[in-house]
């Protein structure tokens, strides 16, 4: 049979472990949030550079590139809504999706598809 001191020590170790895990979870959350921000910023820079190169060489609309950025924002907002069920994320997902679809419609029209 285990004595009271062993039970207290085990509870203290468990409490310490829970506290350390909570701090690790917070750090993971912060890293993931920063990664998402840097990922989008990198994508935006790439889209801007491709747009500039396209305009300087062959010309034409860049609405397809803008649609890609909007779709990325829509997917991110949709995922946040799915996991957190915050109303603002749902609205952002709807608005970014509508913007992406609008840009794609403009692009398709310019290509003679609409």
PDB file of N, CA and C in Angstrom:
ATOM      1  N   UNK A   1       0.842  -1.181   0.000  1.00  0.00           N
ATOM      2  CA  UNK A   1       0.000   0.000   0.000  1.00  0.00           C
ATOM      3  C   UNK A   1       0.886   1.243   0.000  1.00  0.00           C
ATOM      4  N   UNK A   2       0.484   2.204  -0.670  1.00  0.00           N
ATOM      5  CA  UNK A   2       1.316   3.396  -0.807  1.00  0.00           C
ATOM      6  C   UNK A   2       0.994   4.374   0.320  1.00  0.00           C
ATOM      7  N   UNK A   3       2.018   5.075   0.786  1.00  0.00           N
ATOM      8  CA  UNK A   3       1.780   6.006   1.897  1.00  0.00           C
ATOM      9  C   UNK A   3       1.375   7.380   1.377  1.00  0.00           C
ATOM     10  N   UNK A   4       0.962   8.231   2.280  1.00  0.00           N
ATOM     11  CA  UNK A   4       0.481   9.568   1.917  1.00  0.00           C
ATOM     12  C   UNK A   4       1.546  10.406   1.228  1.00  0.00           C
ATOM     13  N   UNK A   5       2.809  10.260   1.638  1.00  0.00           N
ATOM     14  CA  UNK A   5       3.891  11.048   1.039  1.00  0.00           C
ATOM     15  C   UNK A   5       4.067  10.691  -0.435  1.00  0.00           C
ATOM     16  N   UNK A   6       3.990   9.393  -0.751  1.00  0.00           N
ATOM     17  CA  UNK A   6       4.118   8.981  -2.154  1.00  0.00           C
ATOM     18  C   UNK A   6       2.975   9.542  -2.995  1.00  0.00           C
ATOM     19  N   UNK A   7       1.773   9.517  -2.437  1.00  0.00           N
ATOM     20  CA  UNK A   7       0.601  10.040  -3.158  1.00  0.00           C
ATOM     21  C   UNK A   7       0.755  11.535  -3.397  1.00  0.00           C
ATOM     22  N   UNK A   8       1.236  12.266  -2.381  1.00  0.00           N
ATOM     23  CA  UNK A   8       1.448  13.704  -2.535  1.00  0.00           C
ATOM     24  C   UNK A   8       2.526  13.988  -3.568  1.00  0.00           C
ATOM     25  N   UNK A   9       3.618  13.224  -3.530  1.00  0.00           N
ATOM     26  CA  UNK A   9       4.684  13.419  -4.508  1.00  0.00           C
ATOM     27  C   UNK A   9       4.183  13.173  -5.924  1.00  0.00           C
ATOM     28  N   UNK A  10       3.382  12.133  -6.084  1.00  0.00           N
ATOM     29  CA  UNK A  10       2.854  11.824  -7.411  1.00  0.00           C
ATOM     30  C   UNK A  10       1.933  12.939  -7.896  1.00  0.00           C
ATOM     31  N   UNK A  11       1.077  13.446  -7.019  1.00  0.00           N
ATOM     32  CA  UNK A  11       0.189  14.549  -7.386  1.00  0.00           C
ATOM     33  C   UNK A  11       0.983  15.801  -7.739  1.00  0.00           C
ATOM     34  N   UNK A  12       2.063  16.054  -7.001  1.00  0.00           N
ATOM     35  CA  UNK A  12       2.902  17.221  -7.295  1.00  0.00           C
ATOM     36  C   UNK A  12       3.570  17.073  -8.656  1.00  0.00           C
ATOM     37  N   UNK A  13       4.057  15.887  -8.971  1.00  0.00           N
ATOM     38  CA  UNK A  13       4.683  15.636 -10.269  1.00  0.00           C
ATOM     39  C   UNK A  13       3.658  15.788 -11.382  1.00  0.00           C
ATOM     40  N   UNK A  14       2.460  15.253 -11.176  1.00  0.00           N
ATOM     41  CA  UNK A  14       1.406  15.380 -12.185  1.00  0.00           C
ATOM     42  C   UNK A  14       1.017  16.842 -12.405  1.00  0.00           C
ATOM     43  N   UNK A  15       0.900  17.606 -11.321  1.00  0.00           N
ATOM     44  CA  UNK A  15       0.540  19.016 -11.437  1.00  0.00           C
ATOM     45  C   UNK A  15       1.625  19.782 -12.192  1.00  0.00           C
ATOM     46  N   UNK A  16       2.870  19.507 -11.882  1.00  0.00           N
ATOM     47  CA  UNK A  16       3.985  20.166 -12.561  1.00  0.00           C
ATOM     48  C   UNK A  16       3.990  19.805 -14.051  1.00  0.00           C
ATOM     49  N   UNK A  17       3.739  18.537 -14.344  1.00  0.00           N
ATOM     50  CA  UNK A  17       3.703  18.085 -15.729  1.00  0.00           C
ATOM     51  C   UNK A  17       2.580  18.775 -16.510  1.00  0.00           C
ATOM     52  N   UNK A  18       1.406  18.903 -15.892  1.00  0.00           N
ATOM     53  CA  UNK A  18       0.283  19.586 -16.551  1.00  0.00           C
ATOM     54  C   UNK A  18       0.635  21.036 -16.860  1.00  0.00           C
ATOM     55  N   UNK A  19       1.287  21.689 -15.898  1.00  0.00           N
ATOM     56  CA  UNK A  19       1.665  23.092 -16.086  1.00  0.00           C
ATOM     57  C   UNK A  19       2.671  23.229 -17.232  1.00  0.00           C
ATOM     58  N   UNK A  20       3.664  22.348 -17.271  1.00  0.00           N
ATOM     59  CA  UNK A  20       4.660  22.396 -18.333  1.00  0.00           C
ATOM     60  C   UNK A  20       4.030  22.099 -19.689  1.00  0.00           C
ATOM     61  N   UNK A  21       3.101  21.153 -19.738  1.00  0.00           N
ATOM     62  CA  UNK A  21       2.422  20.840 -21.000  1.00  0.00           C
ATOM     63  C   UNK A  21       1.582  22.013 -21.477  1.00  0.00           C
ATOM     64  N   UNK A  22       0.930  22.712 -20.558  1.00  0.00           N
ATOM     65  CA  UNK A  22       0.123  23.873 -20.938  1.00  0.00           C
ATOM     66  C   UNK A  22       1.003  24.946 -21.560  1.00  0.00           C
ATOM     67  N   UNK A  23       2.192  25.155 -20.996  1.00  0.00           N
ATOM     68  CA  UNK A  23       3.117  26.139 -21.565  1.00  0.00           C
ATOM     69  C   UNK A  23       3.604  25.691 -22.937  1.00  0.00           C
ATOM     70  N   UNK A  24       3.835  24.389 -23.102  1.00  0.00           N
ATOM     71  CA  UNK A  24       4.246  23.868 -24.401  1.00  0.00           C
ATOM     72  C   UNK A  24       3.147  24.038 -25.430  1.00  0.00           C
ATOM     73  N   UNK A  25       1.896  23.817 -25.029  1.00  0.00           N
ATOM     74  CA  UNK A  25       0.769  24.001 -25.942  1.00  0.00           C
ATOM     75  C   UNK A  25       0.652  25.456 -26.376  1.00  0.00           C
ATOM     76  N   UNK A  26       0.875  26.379 -25.461  1.00  0.00           N
ATOM     77  CA  UNK A  26       0.813  27.799 -25.786  1.00  0.00           C
ATOM     78  C   UNK A  26       1.916  28.164 -26.778  1.00  0.00           C
ATOM     79  N   UNK A  27       3.093  27.628 -26.557  1.00  0.00           N
ATOM     80  CA  UNK A  27       4.207  27.891 -27.473  1.00  0.00           C
ATOM     81  C   UNK A  27       3.890  27.325 -28.855  1.00  0.00           C
ATOM     82  N   UNK A  28       3.358  26.121 -28.915  1.00  0.00           N
ATOM     83  CA  UNK A  28       2.995  25.516 -30.184  1.00  0.00           C
ATOM     84  C   UNK A  28       1.962  26.377 -30.909  1.00  0.00           C
ATOM     85  N   UNK A  29       0.971  26.866 -30.197  1.00  0.00           N
ATOM     86  CA  UNK A  29      -0.056  27.717 -30.786  1.00  0.00           C
ATOM     87  C   UNK A  29       0.563  28.972 -31.384  1.00  0.00           C
ATOM     88  N   UNK A  30       1.473  29.589 -30.645  1.00  0.00           N
ATOM     89  CA  UNK A  30       2.118  30.808 -31.135  1.00  0.00           C
ATOM     90  C   UNK A  30       2.967  30.536 -32.377  1.00  0.00           C
ATOM     91  N   UNK A  31       3.684  29.417 -32.379  1.00  0.00           N
ATOM     92  CA  UNK A  31       4.506  29.063 -33.534  1.00  0.00           C
ATOM     93  C   UNK A  31       3.625  28.830 -34.754  1.00  0.00           C
ATOM     94  N   UNK A  32       2.510  28.113 -34.575  1.00  0.00           N
ATOM     95  CA  UNK A  32       1.609  27.848 -35.695  1.00  0.00           C
ATOM     96  C   UNK A  32       0.987  29.131 -36.238  1.00  0.00           C
ATOM     97  N   UNK A  33       0.620  30.048 -35.355  1.00  0.00           N
ATOM     98  CA  UNK A  33       0.055  31.325 -35.801  1.00  0.00           C
ATOM     99  C   UNK A  33       1.084  32.125 -36.597  1.00  0.00           C
ATOM    100  N   UNK A  34       2.318  32.166 -36.101  1.00  0.00           N
ATOM    101  CA  UNK A  34       3.362  32.893 -36.826  1.00  0.00           C
ATOM    102  C   UNK A  34       3.651  32.232 -38.163  1.00  0.00           C
ATOM    103  N   UNK A  35       3.660  30.905 -38.187  1.00  0.00           N
ATOM    104  CA  UNK A  35       3.924  30.181 -39.432  1.00  0.00           C
ATOM    105  C   UNK A  35       2.859  30.506 -40.474  1.00  0.00           C
ATOM    106  N   UNK A  36       1.598  30.568 -40.039  1.00  0.00           N
ATOM    107  CA  UNK A  36       0.517  30.912 -40.960  1.00  0.00           C
ATOM    108  C   UNK A  36       0.719  32.318 -41.520  1.00  0.00           C
ATOM    109  N   UNK A  37       1.074  33.252 -40.653  1.00  0.00           N
ATOM    110  CA  UNK A  37       1.308  34.631 -41.096  1.00  0.00           C
ATOM    111  C   UNK A  37       2.472  34.731 -42.067  1.00  0.00           C
ATOM    112  N   UNK A  38       3.585  34.069 -41.745  1.00  0.00           N
ATOM    113  CA  UNK A  38       4.741  34.094 -42.641  1.00  0.00           C
ATOM    114  C   UNK A  38       4.430  33.376 -43.955  1.00  0.00           C
ATOM    115  N   UNK A  39       3.677  32.297 -43.874  1.00  0.00           N
ATOM    116  CA  UNK A  39       3.297  31.573 -45.085  1.00  0.00           C
ATOM    117  C   UNK A  39       2.478  32.437 -46.018  1.00  0.00           C
ATOM    118  N   UNK A  40       1.510  33.149 -45.456  1.00  0.00           N
ATOM    119  CA  UNK A  40       0.704  34.022 -46.302  1.00  0.00           C
ATOM    120  C   UNK A  40       1.542  35.172 -46.846  1.00  0.00           C
ATOM    121  N   UNK A  41       2.389  35.749 -46.025  1.00  0.00           N
ATOM    122  CA  UNK A  41       3.238  36.849 -46.495  1.00  0.00           C
ATOM    123  C   UNK A  41       4.147  36.383 -47.628  1.00  0.00           C
ATOM    124  N   UNK A  42       4.713  35.192 -47.498  1.00  0.00           N
ATOM    125  CA  UNK A  42       5.554  34.651 -48.563  1.00  0.00           C
ATOM    126  C   UNK A  42       4.766  34.428 -49.837  1.00  0.00           C
ATOM    127  N   UNK A  43       3.549  33.908 -49.694  1.00  0.00           N
ATOM    128  CA  UNK A  43       2.686  33.702 -50.862  1.00  0.00           C
ATOM    129  C   UNK A  43       2.340  35.034 -51.518  1.00  0.00           C
ATOM    130  N   UNK A  44       2.037  36.032 -50.708  1.00  0.00           N
ATOM    131  CA  UNK A  44       1.692  37.349 -51.251  1.00  0.00           C
ATOM    132  C   UNK A  44       2.869  37.940 -52.020  1.00  0.00           C
ATOM    133  N   UNK A  45       4.071  37.821 -51.489  1.00  0.00           N
ATOM    134  CA  UNK A  45       5.255  38.337 -52.176  1.00  0.00           C
ATOM    135  C   UNK A  45       5.444  37.607 -53.501  1.00  0.00           C
ATOM    136  N   UNK A  46       5.285  36.280 -53.485  1.00  0.00           N
ATOM    137  CA  UNK A  46       5.442  35.503 -54.720  1.00  0.00           C
ATOM    138  C   UNK A  46       4.407  35.913 -55.757  1.00  0.00           C
ATOM    139  N   UNK A  47       3.156  36.092 -55.337  1.00  0.00           N
ATOM    140  CA  UNK A  47       2.104  36.496 -56.266  1.00  0.00           C
ATOM    141  C   UNK A  47       2.391  37.877 -56.840  1.00  0.00           C
ATOM    142  N   UNK A  48       2.844  38.790 -56.015  1.00  0.00           N
ATOM    143  CA  UNK A  48       3.171  40.134 -56.487  1.00  0.00           C
ATOM    144  C   UNK A  48       4.314  40.084 -57.506  1.00  0.00           C
ATOM    145  N   UNK A  49       5.346  39.305 -57.192  1.00  0.00           N
ATOM    146  CA  UNK A  49       6.470  39.201 -58.131  1.00  0.00           C
ATOM    147  C   UNK A  49       6.045  38.569 -59.451  1.00  0.00           C
ATOM    148  N   UNK A  50       5.251  37.508 -59.393  1.00  0.00           N
ATOM    149  CA  UNK A  50       4.771  36.879 -60.627  1.00  0.00           C
ATOM    150  C   UNK A  50       3.904  37.871 -61.414  1.00  0.00           C
ATOM    151  N   UNK A  51       3.072  38.631 -60.706  1.00  0.00           N
ATOM    152  CA  UNK A  51       2.250  39.640 -61.366  1.00  0.00           C
ATOM    153  C   UNK A  51       3.081  40.698 -62.055  1.00  0.00           C
ATOM    154  N   UNK A  52       4.121  41.160 -61.383  1.00  0.00           N
ATOM    155  CA  UNK A  52       5.015  42.167 -61.975  1.00  0.00           C
ATOM    156  C   UNK A  52       5.724  41.599 -63.207  1.00  0.00           C
ATOM    157  N   UNK A  53       6.223  40.379 -63.087  1.00  0.00           N
ATOM    158  CA  UNK A  53       6.914  39.751 -64.217  1.00  0.00           C
ATOM    159  C   UNK A  53       5.944  39.554 -65.379  1.00  0.00           C
ATOM    160  N   UNK A  54       4.719  39.120 -65.073  1.00  0.00           N
ATOM    161  CA  UNK A  54       3.730  38.928 -66.141  1.00  0.00           C
ATOM    162  C   UNK A  54       3.431  40.243 -66.845  1.00  0.00           C
ATOM    163  N   UNK A  55       3.226  41.297 -66.070  1.00  0.00           N
ATOM    164  CA  UNK A  55       2.928  42.595 -66.675  1.00  0.00           C
ATOM    165  C   UNK A  55       4.095  43.112 -67.503  1.00  0.00           C
ATOM    166  N   UNK A  56       5.315  42.851 -67.054  1.00  0.00           N
ATOM    167  CA  UNK A  56       6.492  43.344 -67.773  1.00  0.00           C
ATOM    168  C   UNK A  56       6.786  42.535 -69.031  1.00  0.00           C
ATOM    169  N   UNK A  57       6.326  41.298 -69.096  1.00  0.00           N
ATOM    170  CA  UNK A  57       6.663  40.454 -70.245  1.00  0.00           C
ATOM    171  C   UNK A  57       5.483  40.253 -71.194  1.00  0.00           C
ATOM    172  N   UNK A  58       4.468  39.562 -70.740  1.00  0.00           N
ATOM    173  CA  UNK A  58       3.370  39.214 -71.650  1.00  0.00           C
ATOM    174  C   UNK A  58       2.106  40.025 -71.437  1.00  0.00           C
ATOM    175  N   UNK A  59       2.043  40.752 -70.329  1.00  0.00           N
ATOM    176  CA  UNK A  59       0.846  41.532 -70.033  1.00  0.00           C
ATOM    177  C   UNK A  59      -0.316  40.639 -69.646  1.00  0.00           C
ATOM    178  N   UNK A  60      -1.465  41.208 -69.628  1.00  0.00           N
ATOM    179  CA  UNK A  60      -2.654  40.441 -69.282  1.00  0.00           C
ATOM    180  C   UNK A  60      -3.071  40.653 -67.834  1.00  0.00           C
ATOM    181  N   UNK A  61      -4.238  40.140 -67.513  1.00  0.00           N
ATOM    182  CA  UNK A  61      -4.791  40.366 -66.179  1.00  0.00           C
ATOM    183  C   UNK A  61      -4.041  39.571 -65.100  1.00  0.00           C
ATOM    184  N   UNK A  62      -4.102  40.087 -63.912  1.00  0.00           N
ATOM    185  CA  UNK A  62      -3.532  39.368 -62.763  1.00  0.00           C
ATOM    186  C   UNK A  62      -4.634  38.934 -61.801  1.00  0.00           C
ATOM    187  N   UNK A  63      -5.865  38.966 -62.272  1.00  0.00           N
ATOM    188  CA  UNK A  63      -6.976  38.604 -61.397  1.00  0.00           C
ATOM    189  C   UNK A  63      -6.899  37.153 -60.946  1.00  0.00           C
ATOM    190  N   UNK A  64      -6.299  36.277 -61.753  1.00  0.00           N
ATOM    191  CA  UNK A  64      -6.137  34.892 -61.331  1.00  0.00           C
ATOM    192  C   UNK A  64      -5.222  34.798 -60.113  1.00  0.00           C
ATOM    193  N   UNK A  65      -4.177  35.609 -60.108  1.00  0.00           N
ATOM    194  CA  UNK A  65      -3.259  35.609 -58.972  1.00  0.00           C
ATOM    195  C   UNK A  65      -3.927  36.162 -57.713  1.00  0.00           C
ATOM    196  N   UNK A  66      -4.706  37.206 -57.898  1.00  0.00           N
ATOM    197  CA  UNK A  66      -5.427  37.782 -56.767  1.00  0.00           C
ATOM    198  C   UNK A  66      -6.433  36.770 -56.221  1.00  0.00           C
ATOM    199  N   UNK A  67      -7.072  36.018 -57.109  1.00  0.00           N
ATOM    200  CA  UNK A  67      -8.023  34.989 -56.682  1.00  0.00           C
ATOM    201  C   UNK A  67      -7.335  33.929 -55.822  1.00  0.00           C
ATOM    202  N   UNK A  68      -6.103  33.595 -56.165  1.00  0.00           N
ATOM    203  CA  UNK A  68      -5.355  32.614 -55.373  1.00  0.00           C
ATOM    204  C   UNK A  68      -5.132  33.133 -53.953  1.00  0.00           C
ATOM    205  N   UNK A  69      -4.759  34.396 -53.836  1.00  0.00           N
ATOM    206  CA  UNK A  69      -4.570  34.979 -52.499  1.00  0.00           C
ATOM    207  C   UNK A  69      -5.880  34.982 -51.714  1.00  0.00           C
ATOM    208  N   UNK A  70      -6.959  35.397 -52.349  1.00  0.00           N
ATOM    209  CA  UNK A  70      -8.257  35.430 -51.670  1.00  0.00           C
ATOM    210  C   UNK A  70      -8.695  34.026 -51.260  1.00  0.00           C
ATOM    211  N   UNK A  71      -8.445  33.036 -52.115  1.00  0.00           N
ATOM    212  CA  UNK A  71      -8.812  31.659 -51.782  1.00  0.00           C
ATOM    213  C   UNK A  71      -8.001  31.149 -50.596  1.00  0.00           C
ATOM    214  N   UNK A  72      -6.758  31.551 -50.515  1.00  0.00           N
ATOM    215  CA  UNK A  72      -5.919  31.171 -49.378  1.00  0.00           C
ATOM    216  C   UNK A  72      -6.473  31.756 -48.074  1.00  0.00           C
ATOM    217  N   UNK A  73      -6.849  33.019 -48.127  1.00  0.00           N
ATOM    218  CA  UNK A  73      -7.445  33.659 -46.952  1.00  0.00           C
ATOM    219  C   UNK A  73      -8.771  33.004 -46.585  1.00  0.00           C
ATOM    220  N   UNK A  74      -9.566  32.640 -47.584  1.00  0.00           N
ATOM    221  CA  UNK A  74     -10.852  31.977 -47.327  1.00  0.00           C
ATOM    222  C   UNK A  74     -10.636  30.628 -46.661  1.00  0.00           C
ATOM    223  N   UNK A  75      -9.674  29.857 -47.151  1.00  0.00           N
ATOM    224  CA  UNK A  75      -9.403  28.540 -46.568  1.00  0.00           C
ATOM    225  C   UNK A  75      -8.934  28.658 -45.121  1.00  0.00           C
ATOM    226  N   UNK A  76      -8.098  29.631 -44.852  1.00  0.00           N
ATOM    227  CA  UNK A  76      -7.620  29.848 -43.490  1.00  0.00           C
ATOM    228  C   UNK A  76      -8.772  30.215 -42.557  1.00  0.00           C
ATOM    229  N   UNK A  77      -9.627  31.120 -42.997  1.00  0.00           N
ATOM    230  CA  UNK A  77     -10.771  31.534 -42.177  1.00  0.00           C
ATOM    231  C   UNK A  77     -11.749  30.381 -41.986  1.00  0.00           C
ATOM    232  N   UNK A  78     -11.949  29.601 -43.039  1.00  0.00           N
ATOM    233  CA  UNK A  78     -12.856  28.456 -42.932  1.00  0.00           C
ATOM    234  C   UNK A  78     -12.332  27.445 -41.925  1.00  0.00           C
ATOM    235  N   UNK A  79     -11.066  27.167 -41.938  1.00  0.00           N
ATOM    236  CA  UNK A  79     -10.479  26.236 -40.976  1.00  0.00           C
ATOM    237  C   UNK A  79     -10.623  26.762 -39.549  1.00  0.00           C
ATOM    238  N   UNK A  80     -10.333  28.048 -39.361  1.00  0.00           N
ATOM    239  CA  UNK A  80     -10.492  28.631 -38.018  1.00  0.00           C
ATOM    240  C   UNK A  80     -11.938  28.510 -37.555  1.00  0.00           C
ATOM    241  N   UNK A  81     -12.887  28.783 -38.463  1.00  0.00           N
ATOM    242  CA  UNK A  81     -14.293  28.657 -38.087  1.00  0.00           C
ATOM    243  C   UNK A  81     -14.627  27.219 -37.724  1.00  0.00           C
ATOM    244  N   UNK A  82     -14.149  26.274 -38.501  1.00  0.00           N
ATOM    245  CA  UNK A  82     -14.437  24.858 -38.266  1.00  0.00           C
ATOM    246  C   UNK A  82     -13.949  24.429 -36.892  1.00  0.00           C
ATOM    247  N   UNK A  83     -12.792  24.900 -36.487  1.00  0.00           N
ATOM    248  CA  UNK A  83     -12.208  24.499 -35.206  1.00  0.00           C
ATOM    249  C   UNK A  83     -12.717  25.329 -34.032  1.00  0.00           C
ATOM    250  N   UNK A  84     -12.946  26.616 -34.219  1.00  0.00           N
ATOM    251  CA  UNK A  84     -13.261  27.515 -33.112  1.00  0.00           C
ATOM    252  C   UNK A  84     -14.719  27.958 -33.070  1.00  0.00           C
ATOM    253  N   UNK A  85     -15.416  27.834 -34.181  1.00  0.00           N
ATOM    254  CA  UNK A  85     -16.833  28.216 -34.298  1.00  0.00           C
ATOM    255  C   UNK A  85     -17.091  29.673 -33.936  1.00  0.00           C
ATOM    256  N   UNK A  86     -16.131  30.528 -34.298  1.00  0.00           N
ATOM    257  CA  UNK A  86     -16.324  31.964 -34.074  1.00  0.00           C
ATOM    258  C   UNK A  86     -17.034  32.559 -35.275  1.00  0.00           C
ATOM    259  N   UNK A  87     -18.020  33.400 -35.004  1.00  0.00           N
ATOM    260  CA  UNK A  87     -18.827  33.984 -36.073  1.00  0.00           C
ATOM    261  C   UNK A  87     -17.986  34.836 -37.015  1.00  0.00           C
ATOM    262  N   UNK A  88     -17.019  35.563 -36.482  1.00  0.00           N
ATOM    263  CA  UNK A  88     -16.197  36.423 -37.339  1.00  0.00           C
ATOM    264  C   UNK A  88     -15.403  35.601 -38.348  1.00  0.00           C
ATOM    265  N   UNK A  89     -14.977  34.401 -37.966  1.00  0.00           N
ATOM    266  CA  UNK A  89     -14.259  33.546 -38.904  1.00  0.00           C
ATOM    267  C   UNK A  89     -15.184  33.071 -40.025  1.00  0.00           C
ATOM    268  N   UNK A  90     -16.443  32.784 -39.679  1.00  0.00           N
ATOM    269  CA  UNK A  90     -17.416  32.372 -40.696  1.00  0.00           C
ATOM    270  C   UNK A  90     -17.635  33.503 -41.692  1.00  0.00           C
ATOM    271  N   UNK A  91     -17.802  34.716 -41.185  1.00  0.00           N
ATOM    272  CA  UNK A  91     -18.003  35.866 -42.082  1.00  0.00           C
ATOM    273  C   UNK A  91     -16.784  36.097 -42.963  1.00  0.00           C
ATOM    274  N   UNK A  92     -15.602  35.982 -42.380  1.00  0.00           N
ATOM    275  CA  UNK A  92     -14.389  36.164 -43.178  1.00  0.00           C
ATOM    276  C   UNK A  92     -14.297  35.102 -44.273  1.00  0.00           C
ATOM    277  N   UNK A  93     -14.625  33.863 -43.923  1.00  0.00           N
ATOM    278  CA  UNK A  93     -14.588  32.788 -44.918  1.00  0.00           C
ATOM    279  C   UNK A  93     -15.564  33.073 -46.056  1.00  0.00           C
ATOM    280  N   UNK A  94     -16.746  33.527 -45.714  1.00  0.00           N
ATOM    281  CA  UNK A  94     -17.755  33.837 -46.734  1.00  0.00           C
ATOM    282  C   UNK A  94     -17.281  34.988 -47.626  1.00  0.00           C
ATOM    283  N   UNK A  95     -16.797  36.049 -47.010  1.00  0.00           N
ATOM    284  CA  UNK A  95     -16.382  37.222 -47.785  1.00  0.00           C
ATOM    285  C   UNK A  95     -15.161  36.939 -48.656  1.00  0.00           C
ATOM    286  N   UNK A  96     -14.147  36.262 -48.111  1.00  0.00           N
ATOM    287  CA  UNK A  96     -12.961  35.945 -48.909  1.00  0.00           C
ATOM    288  C   UNK A  96     -13.311  34.983 -50.033  1.00  0.00           C
ATOM    289  N   UNK A  97     -14.217  34.036 -49.771  1.00  0.00           N
ATOM    290  CA  UNK A  97     -14.651  33.110 -50.823  1.00  0.00           C
ATOM    291  C   UNK A  97     -15.372  33.862 -51.940  1.00  0.00           C
ATOM    292  N   UNK A  98     -16.243  34.775 -51.560  1.00  0.00           N
ATOM    293  CA  UNK A  98     -16.961  35.573 -52.564  1.00  0.00           C
ATOM    294  C   UNK A  98     -15.979  36.406 -53.378  1.00  0.00           C
ATOM    295  N   UNK A  99     -14.993  36.986 -52.715  1.00  0.00           N
ATOM    296  CA  UNK A  99     -14.002  37.788 -53.432  1.00  0.00           C
ATOM    297  C   UNK A  99     -13.192  36.916 -54.396  1.00  0.00           C
ATOM    298  N   UNK A 100     -12.811  35.723 -53.960  1.00  0.00           N
ATOM    299  CA  UNK A 100     -12.058  34.822 -54.832  1.00  0.00           C
ATOM    300  C   UNK A 100     -12.888  34.419 -56.043  1.00  0.00           C
ATOM    301  N   UNK A 101     -14.149  34.079 -55.813  1.00  0.00           N
ATOM    302  CA  UNK A 101     -15.025  33.700 -56.923  1.00  0.00           C
ATOM    303  C   UNK A 101     -15.248  34.867 -57.885  1.00  0.00           C
ATOM    304  N   UNK A 102     -15.381  36.060 -57.340  1.00  0.00           N
ATOM    305  CA  UNK A 102     -15.557  37.242 -58.194  1.00  0.00           C
ATOM    306  C   UNK A 102     -14.320  37.459 -59.064  1.00  0.00           C
ATOM    307  N   UNK A 103     -13.151  37.343 -58.478  1.00  0.00           N
ATOM    308  CA  UNK A 103     -11.910  37.516 -59.252  1.00  0.00           C
ATOM    309  C   UNK A 103     -11.782  36.437 -60.321  1.00  0.00           C
ATOM    310  N   UNK A 104     -12.160  35.209 -59.982  1.00  0.00           N
ATOM    311  CA  UNK A 104     -12.116  34.141 -60.981  1.00  0.00           C
ATOM    312  C   UNK A 104     -13.115  34.395 -62.111  1.00  0.00           C
ATOM    313  N   UNK A 105     -14.280  34.935 -61.768  1.00  0.00           N
ATOM    314  CA  UNK A 105     -15.280  35.262 -62.799  1.00  0.00           C
ATOM    315  C   UNK A 105     -14.748  36.340 -63.732  1.00  0.00           C
ATOM    316  N   UNK A 106     -14.104  37.344 -63.172  1.00  0.00           N
ATOM    317  CA  UNK A 106     -13.516  38.403 -64.001  1.00  0.00           C
ATOM    318  C   UNK A 106     -12.434  37.812 -64.898  1.00  0.00           C
ATOM    319  N   UNK A 107     -11.622  36.963 -64.342  1.00  0.00           N
ATOM    320  CA  UNK A 107     -10.551  36.327 -65.110  1.00  0.00           C
ATOM    321  C   UNK A 107     -11.126  35.491 -66.252  1.00  0.00           C
ATOM    322  N   UNK A 108     -12.148  34.688 -65.946  1.00  0.00           N
ATOM    323  CA  UNK A 108     -12.768  33.835 -66.967  1.00  0.00           C
ATOM    324  C   UNK A 108     -13.409  34.689 -68.065  1.00  0.00           C
ATOM    325  N   UNK A 109     -14.033  35.793 -67.675  1.00  0.00           N
ATOM    326  CA  UNK A 109     -14.635  36.688 -68.653  1.00  0.00           C
ATOM    327  C   UNK A 109     -13.591  37.287 -69.571  1.00  0.00           C
ATOM    328  N   UNK A 110     -12.475  37.677 -69.013  1.00  0.00           N
ATOM    329  CA  UNK A 110     -11.396  38.263 -69.826  1.00  0.00           C
ATOM    330  C   UNK A 110     -10.789  37.249 -70.778  1.00  0.00           C
ATOM    331  N   UNK A 111     -10.840  35.982 -70.392  1.00  0.00           N
ATOM    332  CA  UNK A 111     -10.315  34.941 -71.264  1.00  0.00           C
ATOM    333  C   UNK A 111     -11.332  34.491 -72.294  1.00  0.00           C
ATOM    334  N   UNK A 112     -12.555  35.050 -72.208  1.00  0.00           N
ATOM    335  CA  UNK A 112     -13.593  34.695 -73.152  1.00  0.00           C
ATOM    336  C   UNK A 112     -14.374  33.452 -72.758  1.00  0.00           C
ATOM    337  N   UNK A 113     -14.280  33.069 -71.488  1.00  0.00           N
ATOM    338  CA  UNK A 113     -14.977  31.874 -71.022  1.00  0.00           C
ATOM    339  C   UNK A 113     -16.352  32.185 -70.460  1.00  0.00           C
ATOM    340  N   UNK A 114     -16.639  33.462 -70.244  1.00  0.00           N
ATOM    341  CA  UNK A 114     -17.892  33.802 -69.582  1.00  0.00           C
ATOM    342  C   UNK A 114     -18.838  34.569 -70.458  1.00  0.00           C
TER     343      UNK A 114
END
